[in-house]
Amino acid sequence: MSTRPVRRRSAAAPRLRAEALTVMGITAAILIVIAFWLRHRGDLGTAFAIAAPCGFGLMAALVMLALPAYPHARFGVANMLTTARAGITALIGALAFEAERLTAPEPRLAWLATGATAIALALDGLDGYAARRRAETSRFGARFDMEIDALLLLLLCVLLHGAGKVGIWIYLLGAMRYAFVLGQWLWPRLARRTLAPSQRRKTVCVIQGVVLCIGLAPIVTAPLASVIAAAALIALSVSFALDIRVLLAEDQG
């Protein structure tokens, strides 16, 4: 069996790592500038300014650990876009230290959170397209994208609950994907098959992000935020139930 692909991949590995580190480093630098600029303006506290880059640093470390599984020679535009989303997600997560201010009479912080979330959601529609367009698709990229999606949803739930707009039940929405992963670990029958791509699953995921983003907007009241979040939770629960049924049916077959 020829070893050329292995050698080519091995030779490209240093460049791939260098590109990935460069992208992570630039994103981290931009994040630090934004975080401390917001602190300097007096909009946000020191905890936010520290948590944002530290949170992204943890994500970047996990990406670098998983990078050997990436099959392409270049880090790619798609992964760059996902990295940008990771940086925005870190900013949104750090806002948890200021969550109670999201419902303050001065709406500037709430609009900041809403705008950042909208940008992250918009980029989510671009990285997958870029991967397909540029032949950069991979399990690594899909997993990177999915984990950022799941983390963003969880952090948005933290903000909505911390702001007092939605009850603690909102964590059922944010933690459902992680509960599913735990269920696969505890119940191996759920992990024996890989779910095929599903437009229904993608649509429901988009709905979750849009609903939580809308809920953050200052013009959306707490009762309305609760109603639309509850509807999103029901949709997500049904989607997961359908996936579980498919996995169990395939296992029995």
C-alpha atoms as a PDB file:
ATOM      1  CA  MET A   1       0.000   0.000   0.000  1.00  0.00           C
ATOM      2  CA  SER A   2       1.353   3.435  -0.958  1.00  0.00           C
ATOM      3  CA  THR A   3       2.353   5.813   1.826  1.00  0.00           C
ATOM      4  CA  ARG A   4       2.273   8.979  -0.276  1.00  0.00           C
ATOM      5  CA  PRO A   5      -0.932  10.413   1.252  1.00  0.00           C
ATOM      6  CA  VAL A   6       0.489   9.839   4.719  1.00  0.00           C
ATOM      7  CA  ARG A   7       3.757  11.551   3.812  1.00  0.00           C
ATOM      8  CA  ARG A   8       1.944  14.449   2.168  1.00  0.00           C
ATOM      9  CA  ARG A   9      -0.268  14.865   5.241  1.00  0.00           C
ATOM     10  CA  SER A  10       2.744  14.610   7.544  1.00  0.00           C
ATOM     11  CA  ALA A  11       4.648  17.222   5.574  1.00  0.00           C
ATOM     12  CA  ALA A  12       1.672  19.579   5.652  1.00  0.00           C
ATOM     13  CA  ALA A  13       1.075  19.154   9.395  1.00  0.00           C
ATOM     14  CA  PRO A  14       3.530  21.875  10.556  1.00  0.00           C
ATOM     15  CA  ARG A  15       1.964  24.398   8.186  1.00  0.00           C
ATOM     16  CA  LEU A  16      -1.514  23.389   9.323  1.00  0.00           C
ATOM     17  CA  ARG A  17      -0.572  23.863  12.974  1.00  0.00           C
ATOM     18  CA  ALA A  18       1.068  27.192  12.189  1.00  0.00           C
ATOM     19  CA  GLU A  19      -2.023  28.415  10.345  1.00  0.00           C
ATOM     20  CA  ALA A  20      -4.334  27.274  13.116  1.00  0.00           C
ATOM     21  CA  LEU A  21      -2.189  28.930  15.790  1.00  0.00           C
ATOM     22  CA  THR A  22      -2.076  32.139  13.751  1.00  0.00           C
ATOM     23  CA  VAL A  23      -5.861  32.215  13.391  1.00  0.00           C
ATOM     24  CA  MET A  24      -6.317  31.490  17.093  1.00  0.00           C
ATOM     25  CA  GLY A  25      -3.745  34.111  18.045  1.00  0.00           C
ATOM     26  CA  ILE A  26      -5.264  36.846  15.874  1.00  0.00           C
ATOM     27  CA  THR A  27      -8.744  36.061  17.173  1.00  0.00           C
ATOM     28  CA  ALA A  28      -7.497  36.129  20.762  1.00  0.00           C
ATOM     29  CA  ALA A  29      -5.750  39.463  20.211  1.00  0.00           C
ATOM     30  CA  ILE A  30      -8.892  41.023  18.729  1.00  0.00           C
ATOM     31  CA  LEU A  31     -10.923  39.609  21.588  1.00  0.00           C
ATOM     32  CA  ILE A  32      -8.587  41.072  24.203  1.00  0.00           C
ATOM     33  CA  VAL A  33      -8.715  44.493  22.553  1.00  0.00           C
ATOM     34  CA  ILE A  34     -12.525  44.462  22.418  1.00  0.00           C
ATOM     35  CA  ALA A  35     -12.905  43.173  25.984  1.00  0.00           C
ATOM     36  CA  PHE A  36     -10.587  45.740  27.542  1.00  0.00           C
ATOM     37  CA  TRP A  37     -11.939  48.528  25.335  1.00  0.00           C
ATOM     38  CA  LEU A  38     -15.424  47.811  26.678  1.00  0.00           C
ATOM     39  CA  ARG A  39     -14.044  47.754  30.208  1.00  0.00           C
ATOM     40  CA  HIS A  40     -12.197  51.047  29.650  1.00  0.00           C
ATOM     41  CA  ARG A  41     -15.406  52.657  28.424  1.00  0.00           C
ATOM     42  CA  GLY A  42     -17.007  51.662  31.683  1.00  0.00           C
ATOM     43  CA  ASP A  43     -19.575  49.426  30.048  1.00  0.00           C
ATOM     44  CA  LEU A  44     -18.313  46.190  31.577  1.00  0.00           C
ATOM     45  CA  GLY A  45     -16.257  45.033  34.537  1.00  0.00           C
ATOM     46  CA  THR A  46     -12.879  43.402  34.994  1.00  0.00           C
ATOM     47  CA  ALA A  47     -14.392  39.914  35.309  1.00  0.00           C
ATOM     48  CA  PHE A  48     -15.802  40.230  31.794  1.00  0.00           C
ATOM     49  CA  ALA A  49     -12.502  41.498  30.380  1.00  0.00           C
ATOM     50  CA  ILE A  50     -10.650  38.512  31.841  1.00  0.00           C
ATOM     51  CA  ALA A  51     -13.265  35.825  31.227  1.00  0.00           C
ATOM     52  CA  ALA A  52     -13.707  36.530  27.508  1.00  0.00           C
ATOM     53  CA  PRO A  53     -10.104  35.842  26.406  1.00  0.00           C
ATOM     54  CA  CYS A  54      -9.675  33.050  28.953  1.00  0.00           C
ATOM     55  CA  GLY A  55     -12.806  31.319  27.694  1.00  0.00           C
ATOM     56  CA  PHE A  56     -11.615  31.586  24.124  1.00  0.00           C
ATOM     57  CA  GLY A  57      -8.176  30.344  25.153  1.00  0.00           C
ATOM     58  CA  LEU A  58      -9.751  27.163  26.488  1.00  0.00           C
ATOM     59  CA  MET A  59     -11.658  26.652  23.230  1.00  0.00           C
ATOM     60  CA  ALA A  60      -8.502  27.257  21.201  1.00  0.00           C
ATOM     61  CA  ALA A  61      -6.579  24.711  23.270  1.00  0.00           C
ATOM     62  CA  LEU A  62      -9.245  22.070  22.636  1.00  0.00           C
ATOM     63  CA  VAL A  63      -9.198  22.840  18.908  1.00  0.00           C
ATOM     64  CA  MET A  64      -5.435  22.431  18.771  1.00  0.00           C
ATOM     65  CA  LEU A  65      -5.667  19.122  20.619  1.00  0.00           C
ATOM     66  CA  ALA A  66      -8.194  17.852  18.065  1.00  0.00           C
ATOM     67  CA  LEU A  67      -6.339  19.266  15.049  1.00  0.00           C
ATOM     68  CA  PRO A  68      -4.427  16.042  14.187  1.00  0.00           C
ATOM     69  CA  ALA A  69      -7.775  14.570  13.098  1.00  0.00           C
ATOM     70  CA  TYR A  70      -8.229  17.300  10.475  1.00  0.00           C
ATOM     71  CA  PRO A  71      -7.574  15.754   7.022  1.00  0.00           C
ATOM     72  CA  HIS A  72      -6.746  18.851   4.945  1.00  0.00           C
ATOM     73  CA  ALA A  73      -3.412  20.605   4.524  1.00  0.00           C
ATOM     74  CA  ARG A  74      -4.774  24.109   5.203  1.00  0.00           C
ATOM     75  CA  PHE A  75      -6.822  25.282   8.180  1.00  0.00           C
ATOM     76  CA  GLY A  76      -9.329  26.718   5.741  1.00  0.00           C
ATOM     77  CA  VAL A  77     -11.765  29.597   5.505  1.00  0.00           C
ATOM     78  CA  ALA A  78     -14.586  27.575   7.059  1.00  0.00           C
ATOM     79  CA  ASN A  79     -12.607  26.904  10.234  1.00  0.00           C
ATOM     80  CA  MET A  80     -11.555  30.554  10.336  1.00  0.00           C
ATOM     81  CA  LEU A  81     -15.221  31.554  10.347  1.00  0.00           C
ATOM     82  CA  THR A  82     -15.991  29.023  13.056  1.00  0.00           C
ATOM     83  CA  THR A  83     -13.066  30.386  15.069  1.00  0.00           C
ATOM     84  CA  ALA A  84     -14.542  33.873  14.742  1.00  0.00           C
ATOM     85  CA  ARG A  85     -17.818  32.471  16.060  1.00  0.00           C
ATOM     86  CA  ALA A  86     -15.918  30.933  18.949  1.00  0.00           C
ATOM     87  CA  GLY A  87     -14.490  34.353  19.790  1.00  0.00           C
ATOM     88  CA  ILE A  88     -17.936  35.951  19.722  1.00  0.00           C
ATOM     89  CA  THR A  89     -19.275  33.092  21.832  1.00  0.00           C
ATOM     90  CA  ALA A  90     -16.556  33.777  24.401  1.00  0.00           C
ATOM     91  CA  LEU A  91     -17.638  37.430  24.531  1.00  0.00           C
ATOM     92  CA  ILE A  92     -21.266  36.423  24.981  1.00  0.00           C
ATOM     93  CA  GLY A  93     -20.355  33.937  27.696  1.00  0.00           C
ATOM     94  CA  ALA A  94     -18.352  36.544  29.599  1.00  0.00           C
ATOM     95  CA  LEU A  95     -21.465  38.735  29.687  1.00  0.00           C
ATOM     96  CA  ALA A  96     -22.817  36.294  32.278  1.00  0.00           C
ATOM     97  CA  PHE A  97     -20.918  38.385  34.838  1.00  0.00           C
ATOM     98  CA  GLU A  98     -23.119  41.336  33.841  1.00  0.00           C
ATOM     99  CA  ALA A  99     -26.352  39.449  33.121  1.00  0.00           C
ATOM    100  CA  GLU A 100     -28.456  41.382  35.613  1.00  0.00           C
ATOM    101  CA  ARG A 101     -27.708  44.570  33.674  1.00  0.00           C
ATOM    102  CA  LEU A 102     -29.322  43.198  30.517  1.00  0.00           C
ATOM    103  CA  THR A 103     -32.700  44.384  31.792  1.00  0.00           C
ATOM    104  CA  ALA A 104     -31.467  47.751  33.086  1.00  0.00           C
ATOM    105  CA  PRO A 105     -33.237  50.934  31.881  1.00  0.00           C
ATOM    106  CA  GLU A 106     -30.175  51.732  29.765  1.00  0.00           C
ATOM    107  CA  PRO A 107     -30.483  49.164  26.935  1.00  0.00           C
ATOM    108  CA  ARG A 108     -26.998  49.521  25.453  1.00  0.00           C
ATOM    109  CA  LEU A 109     -25.612  46.315  26.983  1.00  0.00           C
ATOM    110  CA  ALA A 110     -28.658  44.282  25.981  1.00  0.00           C
ATOM    111  CA  TRP A 111     -28.363  45.516  22.408  1.00  0.00           C
ATOM    112  CA  LEU A 112     -24.658  44.624  22.474  1.00  0.00           C
ATOM    113  CA  ALA A 113     -25.511  41.057  23.500  1.00  0.00           C
ATOM    114  CA  THR A 114     -28.274  40.847  20.902  1.00  0.00           C
ATOM    115  CA  GLY A 115     -26.060  42.194  18.131  1.00  0.00           C
ATOM    116  CA  ALA A 116     -23.156  39.889  18.983  1.00  0.00           C
ATOM    117  CA  THR A 117     -25.511  36.909  18.979  1.00  0.00           C
ATOM    118  CA  ALA A 118     -26.974  37.918  15.622  1.00  0.00           C
ATOM    119  CA  ILE A 119     -23.487  38.115  14.109  1.00  0.00           C
ATOM    120  CA  ALA A 120     -22.590  34.689  15.499  1.00  0.00           C
ATOM    121  CA  LEU A 121     -25.772  33.207  14.038  1.00  0.00           C
ATOM    122  CA  ALA A 122     -25.117  34.811  10.656  1.00  0.00           C
ATOM    123  CA  LEU A 123     -21.588  33.403  10.563  1.00  0.00           C
ATOM    124  CA  ASP A 124     -23.016  29.985  11.388  1.00  0.00           C
ATOM    125  CA  GLY A 125     -24.686  30.017   8.016  1.00  0.00           C
ATOM    126  CA  LEU A 126     -21.435  30.870   6.256  1.00  0.00           C
ATOM    127  CA  ASP A 127     -18.885  28.400   7.606  1.00  0.00           C
ATOM    128  CA  GLY A 128     -20.725  25.325   6.357  1.00  0.00           C
ATOM    129  CA  TYR A 129     -21.259  26.936   2.964  1.00  0.00           C
ATOM    130  CA  ALA A 130     -17.567  27.878   2.770  1.00  0.00           C
ATOM    131  CA  ALA A 131     -16.525  24.329   3.653  1.00  0.00           C
ATOM    132  CA  ARG A 132     -18.655  22.855   0.880  1.00  0.00           C
ATOM    133  CA  ARG A 133     -17.743  25.532  -1.639  1.00  0.00           C
ATOM    134  CA  ARG A 134     -14.003  25.192  -1.022  1.00  0.00           C
ATOM    135  CA  ALA A 135     -13.953  21.398  -0.551  1.00  0.00           C
ATOM    136  CA  GLU A 136     -12.931  21.796   3.095  1.00  0.00           C
ATOM    137  CA  THR A 137     -15.578  19.569   4.644  1.00  0.00           C
ATOM    138  CA  SER A 138     -14.415  17.226   7.399  1.00  0.00           C
ATOM    139  CA  ARG A 139     -15.639  15.546  10.560  1.00  0.00           C
ATOM    140  CA  PHE A 140     -13.303  17.857  12.483  1.00  0.00           C
ATOM    141  CA  GLY A 141     -14.934  20.957  10.988  1.00  0.00           C
ATOM    142  CA  ALA A 142     -18.450  19.624  11.514  1.00  0.00           C
ATOM    143  CA  ARG A 143     -17.672  18.803  15.151  1.00  0.00           C
ATOM    144  CA  PHE A 144     -16.028  22.199  15.696  1.00  0.00           C
ATOM    145  CA  ASP A 145     -19.117  23.896  14.276  1.00  0.00           C
ATOM    146  CA  MET A 146     -21.523  21.763  16.310  1.00  0.00           C
ATOM    147  CA  GLU A 147     -19.715  22.318  19.611  1.00  0.00           C
ATOM    148  CA  ILE A 148     -19.704  26.092  19.134  1.00  0.00           C
ATOM    149  CA  ASP A 149     -23.420  25.951  18.297  1.00  0.00           C
ATOM    150  CA  ALA A 150     -24.177  23.977  21.455  1.00  0.00           C
ATOM    151  CA  LEU A 151     -22.027  26.195  23.659  1.00  0.00           C
ATOM    152  CA  LEU A 152     -23.589  29.373  22.266  1.00  0.00           C
ATOM    153  CA  LEU A 153     -27.097  28.087  22.996  1.00  0.00           C
ATOM    154  CA  LEU A 154     -26.133  27.158  26.551  1.00  0.00           C
ATOM    155  CA  LEU A 155     -24.542  30.550  27.210  1.00  0.00           C
ATOM    156  CA  LEU A 156     -27.554  32.386  25.806  1.00  0.00           C
ATOM    157  CA  CYS A 157     -29.697  30.442  28.256  1.00  0.00           C
ATOM    158  CA  VAL A 158     -27.374  31.552  31.059  1.00  0.00           C
ATOM    159  CA  LEU A 159     -27.820  35.191  30.013  1.00  0.00           C
ATOM    160  CA  LEU A 160     -31.597  34.993  29.735  1.00  0.00           C
ATOM    161  CA  HIS A 161     -31.922  33.353  33.134  1.00  0.00           C
ATOM    162  CA  GLY A 162     -29.377  35.677  34.722  1.00  0.00           C
ATOM    163  CA  ALA A 163     -31.260  38.675  33.348  1.00  0.00           C
ATOM    164  CA  GLY A 164     -34.459  37.394  34.936  1.00  0.00           C
ATOM    165  CA  LYS A 165     -36.269  37.104  31.622  1.00  0.00           C
ATOM    166  CA  VAL A 166     -36.749  33.334  31.723  1.00  0.00           C
ATOM    167  CA  GLY A 167     -36.980  30.809  34.537  1.00  0.00           C
ATOM    168  CA  ILE A 168     -34.406  28.194  35.423  1.00  0.00           C
ATOM    169  CA  TRP A 169     -36.191  25.727  33.155  1.00  0.00           C
ATOM    170  CA  ILE A 170     -34.427  27.386  30.201  1.00  0.00           C
ATOM    171  CA  TYR A 171     -31.371  25.271  31.014  1.00  0.00           C
ATOM    172  CA  LEU A 172     -33.311  22.273  29.701  1.00  0.00           C
ATOM    173  CA  LEU A 173     -32.900  23.845  26.270  1.00  0.00           C
ATOM    174  CA  GLY A 174     -29.257  24.793  26.687  1.00  0.00           C
ATOM    175  CA  ALA A 175     -28.174  21.478  28.182  1.00  0.00           C
ATOM    176  CA  MET A 176     -30.179  19.098  25.992  1.00  0.00           C
ATOM    177  CA  ARG A 177     -27.371  18.380  23.553  1.00  0.00           C
ATOM    178  CA  TYR A 178     -24.983  17.632  26.425  1.00  0.00           C
ATOM    179  CA  ALA A 179     -27.616  15.418  28.058  1.00  0.00           C
ATOM    180  CA  PHE A 180     -27.898  13.512  24.770  1.00  0.00           C
ATOM    181  CA  VAL A 181     -24.126  12.975  24.674  1.00  0.00           C
ATOM    182  CA  LEU A 182     -24.229  11.767  28.284  1.00  0.00           C
ATOM    183  CA  GLY A 183     -27.091   9.453  27.362  1.00  0.00           C
ATOM    184  CA  GLN A 184     -24.998   7.967  24.557  1.00  0.00           C
ATOM    185  CA  TRP A 185     -22.227   7.282  27.050  1.00  0.00           C
ATOM    186  CA  LEU A 186     -24.570   5.717  29.608  1.00  0.00           C
ATOM    187  CA  TRP A 187     -26.681   3.866  27.028  1.00  0.00           C
ATOM    188  CA  PRO A 188     -24.397   2.560  24.259  1.00  0.00           C
ATOM    189  CA  ARG A 189     -27.371   1.672  22.057  1.00  0.00           C
ATOM    190  CA  LEU A 190     -27.693   5.379  21.260  1.00  0.00           C
ATOM    191  CA  ALA A 191     -24.076   5.554  20.118  1.00  0.00           C
ATOM    192  CA  ARG A 192     -23.967   2.569  17.781  1.00  0.00           C
ATOM    193  CA  ARG A 193     -25.219   4.542  14.793  1.00  0.00           C
ATOM    194  CA  THR A 194     -24.439   7.961  13.365  1.00  0.00           C
ATOM    195  CA  LEU A 195     -27.446  10.077  12.509  1.00  0.00           C
ATOM    196  CA  ALA A 196     -27.706  11.075   8.870  1.00  0.00           C
ATOM    197  CA  PRO A 197     -27.772  14.812   8.100  1.00  0.00           C
ATOM    198  CA  SER A 198     -31.260  16.190   8.636  1.00  0.00           C
ATOM    199  CA  GLN A 199     -32.859  19.413   7.411  1.00  0.00           C
ATOM    200  CA  ARG A 200     -35.303  19.177  10.301  1.00  0.00           C
ATOM    201  CA  ARG A 201     -32.442  19.074  12.794  1.00  0.00           C
ATOM    202  CA  LYS A 202     -30.708  22.031  11.158  1.00  0.00           C
ATOM    203  CA  THR A 203     -33.923  24.061  11.091  1.00  0.00           C
ATOM    204  CA  VAL A 204     -34.660  23.417  14.753  1.00  0.00           C
ATOM    205  CA  CYS A 205     -31.105  24.406  15.681  1.00  0.00           C
ATOM    206  CA  VAL A 206     -31.466  27.689  13.806  1.00  0.00           C
ATOM    207  CA  ILE A 207     -34.799  28.332  15.515  1.00  0.00           C
ATOM    208  CA  GLN A 208     -33.200  27.900  18.952  1.00  0.00           C
ATOM    209  CA  GLY A 209     -30.537  30.489  18.230  1.00  0.00           C
ATOM    210  CA  VAL A 210     -32.941  32.993  16.686  1.00  0.00           C
ATOM    211  CA  VAL A 211     -35.438  32.657  19.533  1.00  0.00           C
ATOM    212  CA  LEU A 212     -32.798  33.125  22.230  1.00  0.00           C
ATOM    213  CA  CYS A 213     -31.347  36.083  20.346  1.00  0.00           C
ATOM    214  CA  ILE A 214     -34.775  37.706  20.142  1.00  0.00           C
ATOM    215  CA  GLY A 215     -35.293  37.032  23.832  1.00  0.00           C
ATOM    216  CA  LEU A 216     -32.217  39.104  24.675  1.00  0.00           C
ATOM    217  CA  ALA A 217     -33.506  42.186  22.843  1.00  0.00           C
ATOM    218  CA  PRO A 218     -34.507  45.011  25.211  1.00  0.00           C
ATOM    219  CA  ILE A 219     -37.854  45.442  23.459  1.00  0.00           C
ATOM    220  CA  VAL A 220     -38.854  41.858  24.315  1.00  0.00           C
ATOM    221  CA  THR A 221     -40.519  41.552  27.715  1.00  0.00           C
ATOM    222  CA  ALA A 222     -39.890  38.699  30.142  1.00  0.00           C
ATOM    223  CA  PRO A 223     -43.318  37.071  29.564  1.00  0.00           C
ATOM    224  CA  LEU A 224     -42.839  37.130  25.794  1.00  0.00           C
ATOM    225  CA  ALA A 225     -39.277  35.804  26.101  1.00  0.00           C
ATOM    226  CA  SER A 226     -40.590  32.938  28.232  1.00  0.00           C
ATOM    227  CA  VAL A 227     -43.329  32.058  25.749  1.00  0.00           C
ATOM    228  CA  ILE A 228     -41.098  31.927  22.682  1.00  0.00           C
ATOM    229  CA  ALA A 229     -38.347  30.116  24.600  1.00  0.00           C
ATOM    230  CA  ALA A 230     -40.865  27.515  25.775  1.00  0.00           C
ATOM    231  CA  ALA A 231     -41.991  26.980  22.183  1.00  0.00           C
ATOM    232  CA  ALA A 232     -38.359  26.542  21.119  1.00  0.00           C
ATOM    233  CA  LEU A 233     -37.804  24.039  23.940  1.00  0.00           C
ATOM    234  CA  ILE A 234     -40.792  21.993  22.800  1.00  0.00           C
ATOM    235  CA  ALA A 235     -39.501  21.962  19.217  1.00  0.00           C
ATOM    236  CA  LEU A 236     -36.033  20.900  20.365  1.00  0.00           C
ATOM    237  CA  SER A 237     -37.452  18.169  22.617  1.00  0.00           C
ATOM    238  CA  VAL A 238     -39.501  16.745  19.750  1.00  0.00           C
ATOM    239  CA  SER A 239     -36.453  16.827  17.457  1.00  0.00           C
ATOM    240  CA  PHE A 240     -34.300  14.939  19.961  1.00  0.00           C
ATOM    241  CA  ALA A 241     -37.103  12.440  20.582  1.00  0.00           C
ATOM    242  CA  LEU A 242     -37.330  11.726  16.852  1.00  0.00           C
ATOM    243  CA  ASP A 243     -33.560  11.228  16.638  1.00  0.00           C
ATOM    244  CA  ILE A 244     -33.589   8.856  19.599  1.00  0.00           C
ATOM    245  CA  ARG A 245     -36.424   6.870  18.031  1.00  0.00           C
ATOM    246  CA  VAL A 246     -34.440   6.572  14.789  1.00  0.00           C
ATOM    247  CA  LEU A 247     -31.330   5.389  16.639  1.00  0.00           C
ATOM    248  CA  LEU A 248     -33.239   2.791  18.636  1.00  0.00           C
ATOM    249  CA  ALA A 249     -35.134   1.572  15.568  1.00  0.00           C
ATOM    250  CA  GLU A 250     -31.892   1.158  13.590  1.00  0.00           C
ATOM    251  CA  ASP A 251     -30.350  -0.712  16.491  1.00  0.00           C
ATOM    252  CA  GLN A 252     -33.277  -3.135  16.664  1.00  0.00           C
ATOM    253  CA  GLY A 253     -33.066  -3.600  12.882  1.00  0.00           C
END
